PDB file of all heavy atoms in Angstrom:
ATOM      1  N   GLY A   1       5.434 -52.319 -20.484  1.00  0.00           N
ATOM      2  CA  GLY A   1       6.083 -52.110 -19.206  1.00  0.00           C
ATOM      3  C   GLY A   1       7.275 -51.169 -19.253  1.00  0.00           C
ATOM      4  O   GLY A   1       8.098 -51.186 -18.333  1.00  0.00           O
ATOM      5  N   ILE A   2       7.402 -50.355 -20.289  1.00  0.00           N
ATOM      6  CA  ILE A   2       8.486 -49.387 -20.378  1.00  0.00           C
ATOM      7  C   ILE A   2       8.220 -48.250 -19.397  1.00  0.00           C
ATOM      8  O   ILE A   2       7.106 -47.731 -19.335  1.00  0.00           O
ATOM      9  CB  ILE A   2       8.625 -48.850 -21.806  1.00  0.00           C
ATOM     10  CG1 ILE A   2       8.897 -50.002 -22.777  1.00  0.00           C
ATOM     11  CG2 ILE A   2       9.739 -47.817 -21.890  1.00  0.00           C
ATOM     12  CD1 ILE A   2       8.872 -49.591 -24.232  1.00  0.00           C
ATOM     13  N   THR A   3       9.246 -47.872 -18.656  1.00  0.00           N
ATOM     14  CA  THR A   3       9.078 -46.902 -17.586  1.00  0.00           C
ATOM     15  C   THR A   3       9.813 -45.603 -17.861  1.00  0.00           C
ATOM     16  O   THR A   3      10.819 -45.569 -18.576  1.00  0.00           O
ATOM     17  CB  THR A   3       9.563 -47.478 -16.251  1.00  0.00           C
ATOM     18  OG1 THR A   3      10.948 -47.844 -16.373  1.00  0.00           O
ATOM     19  CG2 THR A   3       8.754 -48.703 -15.872  1.00  0.00           C
ATOM     20  N   TYR A   4       9.311 -44.534 -17.258  1.00  0.00           N
ATOM     21  CA  TYR A   4       9.901 -43.204 -17.350  1.00  0.00           C
ATOM     22  C   TYR A   4       9.818 -42.559 -15.975  1.00  0.00           C
ATOM     23  O   TYR A   4       8.839 -42.742 -15.253  1.00  0.00           O
ATOM     24  CB  TYR A   4       9.168 -42.339 -18.375  1.00  0.00           C
ATOM     25  CG  TYR A   4       9.144 -42.935 -19.759  1.00  0.00           C
ATOM     26  CD1 TYR A   4       8.141 -43.825 -20.130  1.00  0.00           C
ATOM     27  CD2 TYR A   4      10.127 -42.620 -20.690  1.00  0.00           C
ATOM     28  CE1 TYR A   4       8.121 -44.389 -21.390  1.00  0.00           C
ATOM     29  CE2 TYR A   4      10.112 -43.176 -21.956  1.00  0.00           C
ATOM     30  CZ  TYR A   4       9.106 -44.064 -22.301  1.00  0.00           C
ATOM     31  OH  TYR A   4       9.091 -44.620 -23.556  1.00  0.00           O
ATOM     32  N   TYR A   5      10.853 -41.795 -15.628  1.00  0.00           N
ATOM     33  CA  TYR A   5      10.913 -41.177 -14.323  1.00  0.00           C
ATOM     34  C   TYR A   5      11.358 -39.729 -14.418  1.00  0.00           C
ATOM     35  O   TYR A   5      12.169 -39.365 -15.266  1.00  0.00           O
ATOM     36  CB  TYR A   5      11.899 -41.910 -13.412  1.00  0.00           C
ATOM     37  CG  TYR A   5      11.519 -43.333 -13.121  1.00  0.00           C
ATOM     38  CD1 TYR A   5      12.026 -44.376 -13.888  1.00  0.00           C
ATOM     39  CD2 TYR A   5      10.658 -43.639 -12.072  1.00  0.00           C
ATOM     40  CE1 TYR A   5      11.680 -45.692 -13.619  1.00  0.00           C
ATOM     41  CE2 TYR A   5      10.312 -44.947 -11.803  1.00  0.00           C
ATOM     42  CZ  TYR A   5      10.823 -45.970 -12.577  1.00  0.00           C
ATOM     43  OH  TYR A   5      10.479 -47.270 -12.304  1.00  0.00           O
ATOM     44  N   ALA A   6      10.829 -38.927 -13.522  1.00  0.00           N
ATOM     45  CA  ALA A   6      11.344 -37.581 -13.355  1.00  0.00           C
ATOM     46  C   ALA A   6      12.727 -37.644 -12.721  1.00  0.00           C
ATOM     47  O   ALA A   6      13.027 -38.549 -11.937  1.00  0.00           O
ATOM     48  CB  ALA A   6      10.401 -36.754 -12.487  1.00  0.00           C
ATOM     49  N   ASP A   7      13.576 -36.680 -13.053  1.00  0.00           N
ATOM     50  CA  ASP A   7      14.935 -36.674 -12.522  1.00  0.00           C
ATOM     51  C   ASP A   7      14.952 -36.654 -10.994  1.00  0.00           C
ATOM     52  O   ASP A   7      15.851 -37.221 -10.372  1.00  0.00           O
ATOM     53  CB  ASP A   7      15.714 -35.478 -13.064  1.00  0.00           C
ATOM     54  CG  ASP A   7      16.057 -35.615 -14.531  1.00  0.00           C
ATOM     55  OD1 ASP A   7      16.020 -36.752 -15.048  1.00  0.00           O
ATOM     56  OD2 ASP A   7      16.360 -34.591 -15.168  1.00  0.00           O
ATOM     57  N   SER A   8      13.967 -36.023 -10.395  1.00  0.00           N
ATOM     58  CA  SER A   8      13.946 -35.870  -8.953  1.00  0.00           C
ATOM     59  C   SER A   8      13.742 -37.182  -8.202  1.00  0.00           C
ATOM     60  O   SER A   8      14.034 -37.248  -7.003  1.00  0.00           O
ATOM     61  CB  SER A   8      12.855 -34.873  -8.547  1.00  0.00           C
ATOM     62  OG  SER A   8      11.578 -35.320  -8.973  1.00  0.00           O
ATOM     63  N   VAL A   9      13.258 -38.220  -8.887  1.00  0.00           N
ATOM     64  CA  VAL A   9      12.975 -39.482  -8.208  1.00  0.00           C
ATOM     65  C   VAL A   9      13.746 -40.656  -8.779  1.00  0.00           C
ATOM     66  O   VAL A   9      13.637 -41.773  -8.253  1.00  0.00           O
ATOM     67  CB  VAL A   9      11.466 -39.804  -8.228  1.00  0.00           C
ATOM     68  CG1 VAL A   9      10.671 -38.659  -7.624  1.00  0.00           C
ATOM     69  CG2 VAL A   9      10.992 -40.105  -9.645  1.00  0.00           C
ATOM     70  N   LYS A  10      14.531 -40.449  -9.814  1.00  0.00           N
ATOM     71  CA  LYS A  10      15.300 -41.537 -10.409  1.00  0.00           C
ATOM     72  C   LYS A  10      16.237 -42.162  -9.381  1.00  0.00           C
ATOM     73  O   LYS A  10      16.917 -41.472  -8.633  1.00  0.00           O
ATOM     74  CB  LYS A  10      16.115 -41.036 -11.603  1.00  0.00           C
ATOM     75  CG  LYS A  10      15.308 -40.804 -12.856  1.00  0.00           C
ATOM     76  CD  LYS A  10      16.190 -40.357 -14.016  1.00  0.00           C
ATOM     77  CE  LYS A  10      15.384 -40.149 -15.271  1.00  0.00           C
ATOM     78  NZ  LYS A  10      16.225 -39.677 -16.399  1.00  0.00           N
ATOM     79  N   GLY A  11      16.242 -43.484  -9.349  1.00  0.00           N
ATOM     80  CA  GLY A  11      17.064 -44.208  -8.393  1.00  0.00           C
ATOM     81  C   GLY A  11      16.414 -44.415  -7.052  1.00  0.00           C
ATOM     82  O   GLY A  11      16.917 -45.207  -6.243  1.00  0.00           O
ATOM     83  N   ARG A  12      15.308 -43.724  -6.782  1.00  0.00           N
ATOM     84  CA  ARG A  12      14.611 -43.849  -5.503  1.00  0.00           C
ATOM     85  C   ARG A  12      13.224 -44.458  -5.645  1.00  0.00           C
ATOM     86  O   ARG A  12      12.793 -45.216  -4.783  1.00  0.00           O
ATOM     87  CB  ARG A  12      14.486 -42.486  -4.818  1.00  0.00           C
ATOM     88  CG  ARG A  12      15.818 -41.829  -4.502  1.00  0.00           C
ATOM     89  CD  ARG A  12      15.628 -40.602  -3.622  1.00  0.00           C
ATOM     90  NE  ARG A  12      14.823 -39.574  -4.278  1.00  0.00           N
ATOM     91  CZ  ARG A  12      13.698 -39.075  -3.774  1.00  0.00           C
ATOM     92  NH1 ARG A  12      13.255 -39.509  -2.595  1.00  0.00           N
ATOM     93  NH2 ARG A  12      13.035 -38.132  -4.423  1.00  0.00           N
ATOM     94  N   PHE A  13      12.520 -44.116  -6.723  1.00  0.00           N
ATOM     95  CA  PHE A  13      11.159 -44.596  -6.950  1.00  0.00           C
ATOM     96  C   PHE A  13      11.149 -45.619  -8.078  1.00  0.00           C
ATOM     97  O   PHE A  13      11.920 -45.510  -9.037  1.00  0.00           O
ATOM     98  CB  PHE A  13      10.223 -43.450  -7.333  1.00  0.00           C
ATOM     99  CG  PHE A  13       9.947 -42.454  -6.235  1.00  0.00           C
ATOM    100  CD1 PHE A  13      10.647 -42.481  -5.039  1.00  0.00           C
ATOM    101  CD2 PHE A  13       8.973 -41.486  -6.418  1.00  0.00           C
ATOM    102  CE1 PHE A  13      10.390 -41.558  -4.045  1.00  0.00           C
ATOM    103  CE2 PHE A  13       8.705 -40.562  -5.425  1.00  0.00           C
ATOM    104  CZ  PHE A  13       9.408 -40.593  -4.241  1.00  0.00           C
ATOM    105  N   THR A  14      10.260 -46.596  -7.981  1.00  0.00           N
ATOM    106  CA  THR A  14      10.094 -47.605  -9.012  1.00  0.00           C
ATOM    107  C   THR A  14       8.615 -47.799  -9.304  1.00  0.00           C
ATOM    108  O   THR A  14       7.834 -48.060  -8.390  1.00  0.00           O
ATOM    109  CB  THR A  14      10.710 -48.950  -8.595  1.00  0.00           C
ATOM    110  OG1 THR A  14      12.098 -48.785  -8.302  1.00  0.00           O
ATOM    111  CG2 THR A  14      10.562 -49.965  -9.724  1.00  0.00           C
ATOM    112  N   ILE A  15       8.241 -47.664 -10.569  1.00  0.00           N
ATOM    113  CA  ILE A  15       6.862 -47.892 -10.977  1.00  0.00           C
ATOM    114  C   ILE A  15       6.749 -49.285 -11.585  1.00  0.00           C
ATOM    115  O   ILE A  15       7.655 -49.745 -12.285  1.00  0.00           O
ATOM    116  CB  ILE A  15       6.382 -46.811 -11.970  1.00  0.00           C
ATOM    117  CG1 ILE A  15       4.876 -46.935 -12.224  1.00  0.00           C
ATOM    118  CG2 ILE A  15       7.162 -46.866 -13.273  1.00  0.00           C
ATOM    119  CD1 ILE A  15       4.291 -45.766 -13.015  1.00  0.00           C
ATOM    120  N   SER A  16       5.661 -49.965 -11.313  1.00  0.00           N
ATOM    121  CA  SER A  16       5.426 -51.296 -11.854  1.00  0.00           C
ATOM    122  C   SER A  16       3.935 -51.488 -12.070  1.00  0.00           C
ATOM    123  O   SER A  16       3.122 -50.702 -11.579  1.00  0.00           O
ATOM    124  CB  SER A  16       5.985 -52.378 -10.922  1.00  0.00           C
ATOM    125  OG  SER A  16       5.366 -52.327  -9.648  1.00  0.00           O
ATOM    126  N   ARG A  17       3.595 -52.540 -12.818  1.00  0.00           N
ATOM    127  CA  ARG A  17       2.180 -52.785 -13.076  1.00  0.00           C
ATOM    128  C   ARG A  17       1.874 -54.275 -13.039  1.00  0.00           C
ATOM    129  O   ARG A  17       2.746 -55.125 -13.215  1.00  0.00           O
ATOM    130  CB  ARG A  17       1.749 -52.172 -14.412  1.00  0.00           C
ATOM    131  CG  ARG A  17       1.801 -53.080 -15.647  1.00  0.00           C
ATOM    132  CD  ARG A  17       3.192 -53.417 -16.074  1.00  0.00           C
ATOM    133  NE  ARG A  17       3.224 -53.932 -17.444  1.00  0.00           N
ATOM    134  CZ  ARG A  17       4.156 -54.759 -17.894  1.00  0.00           C
ATOM    135  NH1 ARG A  17       5.149 -55.156 -17.090  1.00  0.00           N
ATOM    136  NH2 ARG A  17       4.111 -55.173 -19.158  1.00  0.00           N
ATOM    137  N   ASP A  18       0.608 -54.575 -12.786  1.00  0.00           N
ATOM    138  CA  ASP A  18       0.078 -55.927 -12.823  1.00  0.00           C
ATOM    139  C   ASP A  18      -1.064 -55.897 -13.828  1.00  0.00           C
ATOM    140  O   ASP A  18      -2.162 -55.446 -13.513  1.00  0.00           O
ATOM    141  CB  ASP A  18      -0.405 -56.362 -11.445  1.00  0.00           C
ATOM    142  CG  ASP A  18      -0.849 -57.807 -11.407  1.00  0.00           C
ATOM    143  OD1 ASP A  18      -1.270 -58.347 -12.448  1.00  0.00           O
ATOM    144  OD2 ASP A  18      -0.784 -58.413 -10.323  1.00  0.00           O
ATOM    145  N   ASN A  19      -0.804 -56.361 -15.042  1.00  0.00           N
ATOM    146  CA  ASN A  19      -1.794 -56.272 -16.111  1.00  0.00           C
ATOM    147  C   ASN A  19      -3.075 -57.047 -15.792  1.00  0.00           C
ATOM    148  O   ASN A  19      -4.170 -56.605 -16.134  1.00  0.00           O
ATOM    149  CB  ASN A  19      -1.207 -56.792 -17.425  1.00  0.00           C
ATOM    150  CG  ASN A  19      -0.167 -55.866 -18.010  1.00  0.00           C
ATOM    151  OD1 ASN A  19       0.212 -54.867 -17.403  1.00  0.00           O
ATOM    152  ND2 ASN A  19       0.298 -56.194 -19.211  1.00  0.00           N
ATOM    153  N   ALA A  20      -2.929 -58.190 -15.148  1.00  0.00           N
ATOM    154  CA  ALA A  20      -4.087 -59.019 -14.852  1.00  0.00           C
ATOM    155  C   ALA A  20      -5.037 -58.349 -13.870  1.00  0.00           C
ATOM    156  O   ALA A  20      -6.254 -58.532 -13.954  1.00  0.00           O
ATOM    157  CB  ALA A  20      -3.649 -60.381 -14.317  1.00  0.00           C
ATOM    158  N   LYS A  21      -4.493 -57.585 -12.941  1.00  0.00           N
ATOM    159  CA  LYS A  21      -5.303 -56.937 -11.917  1.00  0.00           C
ATOM    160  C   LYS A  21      -5.605 -55.475 -12.228  1.00  0.00           C
ATOM    161  O   LYS A  21      -6.319 -54.824 -11.461  1.00  0.00           O
ATOM    162  CB  LYS A  21      -4.617 -57.040 -10.558  1.00  0.00           C
ATOM    163  CG  LYS A  21      -4.468 -58.449 -10.042  1.00  0.00           C
ATOM    164  CD  LYS A  21      -3.854 -58.466  -8.662  1.00  0.00           C
ATOM    165  CE  LYS A  21      -4.757 -57.789  -7.652  1.00  0.00           C
ATOM    166  NZ  LYS A  21      -4.207 -57.860  -6.269  1.00  0.00           N
ATOM    167  N   ASN A  22      -5.058 -54.960 -13.331  1.00  0.00           N
ATOM    168  CA  ASN A  22      -5.244 -53.554 -13.702  1.00  0.00           C
ATOM    169  C   ASN A  22      -4.816 -52.623 -12.570  1.00  0.00           C
ATOM    170  O   ASN A  22      -5.544 -51.701 -12.177  1.00  0.00           O
ATOM    171  CB  ASN A  22      -6.696 -53.278 -14.096  1.00  0.00           C
ATOM    172  CG  ASN A  22      -7.079 -53.923 -15.405  1.00  0.00           C
ATOM    173  OD1 ASN A  22      -6.248 -54.116 -16.289  1.00  0.00           O
ATOM    174  ND2 ASN A  22      -8.348 -54.266 -15.537  1.00  0.00           N
ATOM    175  N   THR A  23      -3.631 -52.881 -12.052  1.00  0.00           N
ATOM    176  CA  THR A  23      -3.091 -52.050 -10.990  1.00  0.00           C
ATOM    177  C   THR A  23      -1.692 -51.575 -11.346  1.00  0.00           C
ATOM    178  O   THR A  23      -0.965 -52.226 -12.088  1.00  0.00           O
ATOM    179  CB  THR A  23      -3.038 -52.801  -9.653  1.00  0.00           C
ATOM    180  OG1 THR A  23      -2.212 -53.967  -9.788  1.00  0.00           O
ATOM    181  CG2 THR A  23      -4.428 -53.218  -9.199  1.00  0.00           C
ATOM    182  N   VAL A  24      -1.328 -50.439 -10.809  1.00  0.00           N
ATOM    183  CA  VAL A  24       0.012 -49.906 -10.951  1.00  0.00           C
ATOM    184  C   VAL A  24       0.483 -49.478  -9.571  1.00  0.00           C
ATOM    185  O   VAL A  24      -0.306 -48.960  -8.771  1.00  0.00           O
ATOM    186  CB  VAL A  24       0.059 -48.732 -11.948  1.00  0.00           C
ATOM    187  CG1 VAL A  24      -0.802 -47.568 -11.474  1.00  0.00           C
ATOM    188  CG2 VAL A  24       1.495 -48.283 -12.192  1.00  0.00           C
ATOM    189  N   SER A  25       1.758 -49.717  -9.289  1.00  0.00           N
ATOM    190  CA  SER A  25       2.315 -49.405  -7.983  1.00  0.00           C
ATOM    191  C   SER A  25       3.490 -48.463  -8.121  1.00  0.00           C
ATOM    192  O   SER A  25       4.130 -48.379  -9.166  1.00  0.00           O
ATOM    193  CB  SER A  25       2.753 -50.684  -7.266  1.00  0.00           C
ATOM    194  OG  SER A  25       1.660 -51.554  -7.041  1.00  0.00           O
ATOM    195  N   LEU A  26       3.759 -47.748  -7.050  1.00  0.00           N
ATOM    196  CA  LEU A  26       4.917 -46.874  -6.975  1.00  0.00           C
ATOM    197  C   LEU A  26       5.646 -47.172  -5.676  1.00  0.00           C
ATOM    198  O   LEU A  26       5.147 -46.841  -4.597  1.00  0.00           O
ATOM    199  CB  LEU A  26       4.509 -45.404  -7.028  1.00  0.00           C
ATOM    200  CG  LEU A  26       5.664 -44.399  -7.067  1.00  0.00           C
ATOM    201  CD1 LEU A  26       6.386 -44.481  -8.412  1.00  0.00           C
ATOM    202  CD2 LEU A  26       5.159 -42.979  -6.825  1.00  0.00           C
ATOM    203  N   GLN A  27       6.791 -47.826  -5.787  1.00  0.00           N
ATOM    204  CA  GLN A  27       7.629 -48.090  -4.633  1.00  0.00           C
ATOM    205  C   GLN A  27       8.534 -46.892  -4.417  1.00  0.00           C
ATOM    206  O   GLN A  27       9.323 -46.540  -5.297  1.00  0.00           O
ATOM    207  CB  GLN A  27       8.461 -49.357  -4.845  1.00  0.00           C
ATOM    208  CG  GLN A  27       9.396 -49.694  -3.695  1.00  0.00           C
ATOM    209  CD  GLN A  27       8.651 -50.053  -2.438  1.00  0.00           C
ATOM    210  OE1 GLN A  27       7.685 -50.813  -2.479  1.00  0.00           O
ATOM    211  NE2 GLN A  27       9.087 -49.506  -1.314  1.00  0.00           N
ATOM    212  N   MET A  28       8.431 -46.270  -3.258  1.00  0.00           N
ATOM    213  CA  MET A  28       9.176 -45.067  -2.947  1.00  0.00           C
ATOM    214  C   MET A  28      10.153 -45.368  -1.822  1.00  0.00           C
ATOM    215  O   MET A  28       9.746 -45.686  -0.707  1.00  0.00           O
ATOM    216  CB  MET A  28       8.237 -43.929  -2.551  1.00  0.00           C
ATOM    217  CG  MET A  28       7.164 -43.632  -3.591  1.00  0.00           C
ATOM    218  SD  MET A  28       6.168 -42.181  -3.176  1.00  0.00           S
ATOM    219  CE  MET A  28       5.350 -42.788  -1.691  1.00  0.00           C
ATOM    220  N   ASN A  29      11.432 -45.264  -2.129  1.00  0.00           N
ATOM    221  CA  ASN A  29      12.490 -45.495  -1.154  1.00  0.00           C
ATOM    222  C   ASN A  29      13.283 -44.216  -0.931  1.00  0.00           C
ATOM    223  O   ASN A  29      13.225 -43.283  -1.730  1.00  0.00           O
ATOM    224  CB  ASN A  29      13.426 -46.611  -1.630  1.00  0.00           C
ATOM    225  CG  ASN A  29      12.734 -47.936  -1.813  1.00  0.00           C
ATOM    226  OD1 ASN A  29      11.818 -48.284  -1.067  1.00  0.00           O
ATOM    227  ND2 ASN A  29      13.179 -48.703  -2.800  1.00  0.00           N
ATOM    228  N   SER A  30      14.041 -44.199   0.148  1.00  0.00           N
ATOM    229  CA  SER A  30      14.876 -43.044   0.485  1.00  0.00           C
ATOM    230  C   SER A  30      14.091 -41.746   0.425  1.00  0.00           C
ATOM    231  O   SER A  30      14.525 -40.754  -0.171  1.00  0.00           O
ATOM    232  CB  SER A  30      16.090 -42.984  -0.455  1.00  0.00           C
ATOM    233  OG  SER A  30      16.858 -44.162  -0.373  1.00  0.00           O
ATOM    234  N   LEU A  31      12.939 -41.750   1.041  1.00  0.00           N
ATOM    235  CA  LEU A  31      12.051 -40.591   0.976  1.00  0.00           C
ATOM    236  C   LEU A  31      12.657 -39.376   1.669  1.00  0.00           C
ATOM    237  O   LEU A  31      13.341 -39.497   2.683  1.00  0.00           O
ATOM    238  CB  LEU A  31      10.702 -40.934   1.589  1.00  0.00           C
ATOM    239  CG  LEU A  31       9.800 -41.788   0.694  1.00  0.00           C
ATOM    240  CD1 LEU A  31       8.678 -42.407   1.503  1.00  0.00           C
ATOM    241  CD2 LEU A  31       9.244 -40.948  -0.448  1.00  0.00           C
ATOM    242  N   LYS A  32      12.373 -38.213   1.098  1.00  0.00           N
ATOM    243  CA  LYS A  32      12.850 -36.942   1.603  1.00  0.00           C
ATOM    244  C   LYS A  32      11.663 -36.060   1.970  1.00  0.00           C
ATOM    245  O   LYS A  32      10.572 -36.232   1.429  1.00  0.00           O
ATOM    246  CB  LYS A  32      13.693 -36.222   0.540  1.00  0.00           C
ATOM    247  CG  LYS A  32      14.834 -37.044  -0.032  1.00  0.00           C
ATOM    248  CD  LYS A  32      15.489 -36.311  -1.187  1.00  0.00           C
ATOM    249  CE  LYS A  32      16.607 -37.122  -1.802  1.00  0.00           C
ATOM    250  NZ  LYS A  32      17.231 -36.413  -2.956  1.00  0.00           N
ATOM    251  N   PRO A  33      11.852 -35.099   2.872  1.00  0.00           N
ATOM    252  CA  PRO A  33      10.750 -34.194   3.211  1.00  0.00           C
ATOM    253  C   PRO A  33      10.156 -33.501   1.990  1.00  0.00           C
ATOM    254  O   PRO A  33       8.945 -33.252   1.960  1.00  0.00           O
ATOM    255  CB  PRO A  33      11.394 -33.193   4.173  1.00  0.00           C
ATOM    256  CG  PRO A  33      12.484 -33.977   4.825  1.00  0.00           C
ATOM    257  CD  PRO A  33      13.020 -34.872   3.742  1.00  0.00           C
ATOM    258  N   GLU A  34      10.964 -33.191   0.989  1.00  0.00           N
ATOM    259  CA  GLU A  34      10.463 -32.543  -0.208  1.00  0.00           C
ATOM    260  C   GLU A  34       9.590 -33.449  -1.067  1.00  0.00           C
ATOM    261  O   GLU A  34       8.991 -32.986  -2.039  1.00  0.00           O
ATOM    262  CB  GLU A  34      11.610 -31.968  -1.054  1.00  0.00           C
ATOM    263  CG  GLU A  34      12.720 -32.963  -1.338  1.00  0.00           C
ATOM    264  CD  GLU A  34      13.885 -32.819  -0.375  1.00  0.00           C
ATOM    265  OE1 GLU A  34      13.646 -32.675   0.837  1.00  0.00           O
ATOM    266  OE2 GLU A  34      15.045 -32.848  -0.847  1.00  0.00           O
ATOM    267  N   ASP A  35       9.512 -34.729  -0.732  1.00  0.00           N
ATOM    268  CA  ASP A  35       8.597 -35.635  -1.411  1.00  0.00           C
ATOM    269  C   ASP A  35       7.172 -35.504  -0.881  1.00  0.00           C
ATOM    270  O   ASP A  35       6.253 -36.109  -1.442  1.00  0.00           O
ATOM    271  CB  ASP A  35       9.051 -37.087  -1.263  1.00  0.00           C
ATOM    272  CG  ASP A  35      10.354 -37.364  -1.985  1.00  0.00           C
ATOM    273  OD1 ASP A  35      10.539 -36.858  -3.109  1.00  0.00           O
ATOM    274  OD2 ASP A  35      11.194 -38.106  -1.422  1.00  0.00           O
ATOM    275  N   THR A  36       6.988 -34.764   0.185  1.00  0.00           N
ATOM    276  CA  THR A  36       5.669 -34.580   0.772  1.00  0.00           C
ATOM    277  C   THR A  36       4.725 -33.923  -0.230  1.00  0.00           C
ATOM    278  O   THR A  36       5.018 -32.850  -0.768  1.00  0.00           O
ATOM    279  CB  THR A  36       5.753 -33.729   2.041  1.00  0.00           C
ATOM    280  OG1 THR A  36       6.527 -34.419   3.023  1.00  0.00           O
ATOM    281  CG2 THR A  36       4.365 -33.447   2.601  1.00  0.00           C
ATOM    282  N   ALA A  37       3.598 -34.568  -0.496  1.00  0.00           N
ATOM    283  CA  ALA A  37       2.640 -34.072  -1.474  1.00  0.00           C
ATOM    284  C   ALA A  37       1.448 -35.013  -1.518  1.00  0.00           C
ATOM    285  O   ALA A  37       1.461 -36.090  -0.915  1.00  0.00           O
ATOM    286  CB  ALA A  37       3.279 -33.976  -2.864  1.00  0.00           C
TER     287      ALA A  37
END
């Protein structure tokens, strides 16, 4: 569960995983127009 982030999203995005369900999530807060992609 060790995480790494790009500088552009540090403090705003959070990655997490659920090992039992084989899923990974990305919580994105304080979104900016430049996050559009």
